[in-house]
Amino acid sequence: MPAQFTNNSLVASTNVAPVSGVSIWRWLVLFPRKWALAYKVSRDAEMLRNAPREILQDIGIDRMDVDFVCEHGHAPR
């Protein structure tokens, strides 16, 4: 059977499952929350990277732990 070429996007994407309107709305609602959480995490990480030694000592965190978490995304074991 010869290959069929088409410019019709619906025909070209028939292998993709249909997306319901509910899942699109859910994604639109959750996207700003995920973005806000990612922004908060990056802001807090930057604050800890630039924090003075005295502040880190007050809250009981070593500079090496901050560097490790910022690099690897989890606390050292």
Protein backbone atom coordinates (compact mmCIF):
# COMPACT_ATOMS: atom_id res chain seq x y z
CA MET A 1 0.00 0.00 0.00
CA PRO A 2 1.56 3.33 -0.99
CA ALA A 3 2.12 6.00 1.65
CA GLN A 4 -0.43 8.80 1.73
CA PHE A 5 0.77 12.33 2.26
CA THR A 6 -1.61 15.01 3.42
CA ASN A 7 -1.59 18.55 4.73
CA ASN A 8 -4.71 17.97 6.79
CA SER A 9 -3.66 18.16 10.45
CA LEU A 10 -6.58 16.00 11.62
CA VAL A 11 -5.54 13.16 9.39
CA ALA A 12 -1.88 13.52 10.31
CA SER A 13 -2.59 13.36 14.05
CA THR A 14 -4.99 10.41 14.22
CA ASN A 15 -2.61 8.47 16.49
CA VAL A 16 -3.04 11.06 19.25
CA ALA A 17 -5.80 10.45 21.78
CA PRO A 18 -8.45 13.17 21.85
CA VAL A 19 -8.08 15.68 24.66
CA SER A 20 -11.19 16.51 26.60
CA GLY A 21 -12.14 20.09 27.35
CA VAL A 22 -12.08 19.32 31.08
CA SER A 23 -8.42 18.30 31.00
CA ILE A 24 -7.52 21.45 29.08
CA TRP A 25 -9.29 23.65 31.64
CA ARG A 26 -7.65 21.74 34.49
CA TRP A 27 -4.25 22.28 32.88
CA LEU A 28 -4.99 25.99 32.43
CA VAL A 29 -5.94 26.26 36.11
CA LEU A 30 -2.99 24.26 37.43
CA PHE A 31 -0.33 25.81 35.18
CA PRO A 32 -0.15 29.14 37.08
CA ARG A 33 0.05 27.24 40.37
CA LYS A 34 2.93 25.10 39.11
CA TRP A 35 4.65 28.17 37.71
CA ALA A 36 4.17 30.02 41.01
CA LEU A 37 5.60 27.08 42.97
CA ALA A 38 8.60 26.82 40.65
CA TYR A 39 9.16 30.57 40.95
CA LYS A 40 8.96 30.37 44.76
CA VAL A 41 11.43 27.48 44.89
CA SER A 42 13.91 29.28 42.63
CA ARG A 43 13.51 32.51 44.63
CA ASP A 44 14.10 30.71 47.94
CA ALA A 45 17.10 28.84 46.54
CA GLU A 46 18.62 32.09 45.32
CA MET A 47 18.01 33.69 48.74
CA LEU A 48 19.75 30.78 50.48
CA ARG A 49 22.68 30.89 48.04
CA ASN A 50 23.22 34.57 48.79
CA ALA A 51 22.40 34.46 52.51
CA PRO A 52 25.07 35.62 54.93
CA ARG A 53 26.78 32.99 57.05
CA GLU A 54 25.13 34.30 60.23
CA ILE A 55 21.61 33.75 58.89
CA LEU A 56 22.42 30.21 57.82
CA GLN A 57 23.88 29.50 61.26
CA ASP A 58 20.74 30.90 62.92
CA ILE A 59 18.50 28.49 61.03
CA GLY A 60 20.97 25.59 61.34
CA ILE A 61 21.97 25.08 57.72
CA ASP A 62 25.51 24.62 56.44
CA ARG A 63 26.65 26.40 53.29
CA MET A 64 27.69 23.01 51.82
CA ASP A 65 24.13 21.68 52.30
CA VAL A 66 22.67 24.70 50.50
CA ASP A 67 25.07 24.21 47.60
CA PHE A 68 24.29 20.49 47.43
CA VAL A 69 20.52 20.99 47.45
CA CYS A 70 20.69 23.74 44.81
CA GLU A 71 22.83 21.51 42.59
CA HIS A 72 21.12 18.13 43.08
CA GLY A 73 17.58 19.02 44.16
CA HIS A 74 17.57 16.96 47.36
CA ALA A 75 19.23 16.98 50.76
CA PRO A 76 22.48 15.08 51.23
CA ARG A 77 22.12 11.67 52.80
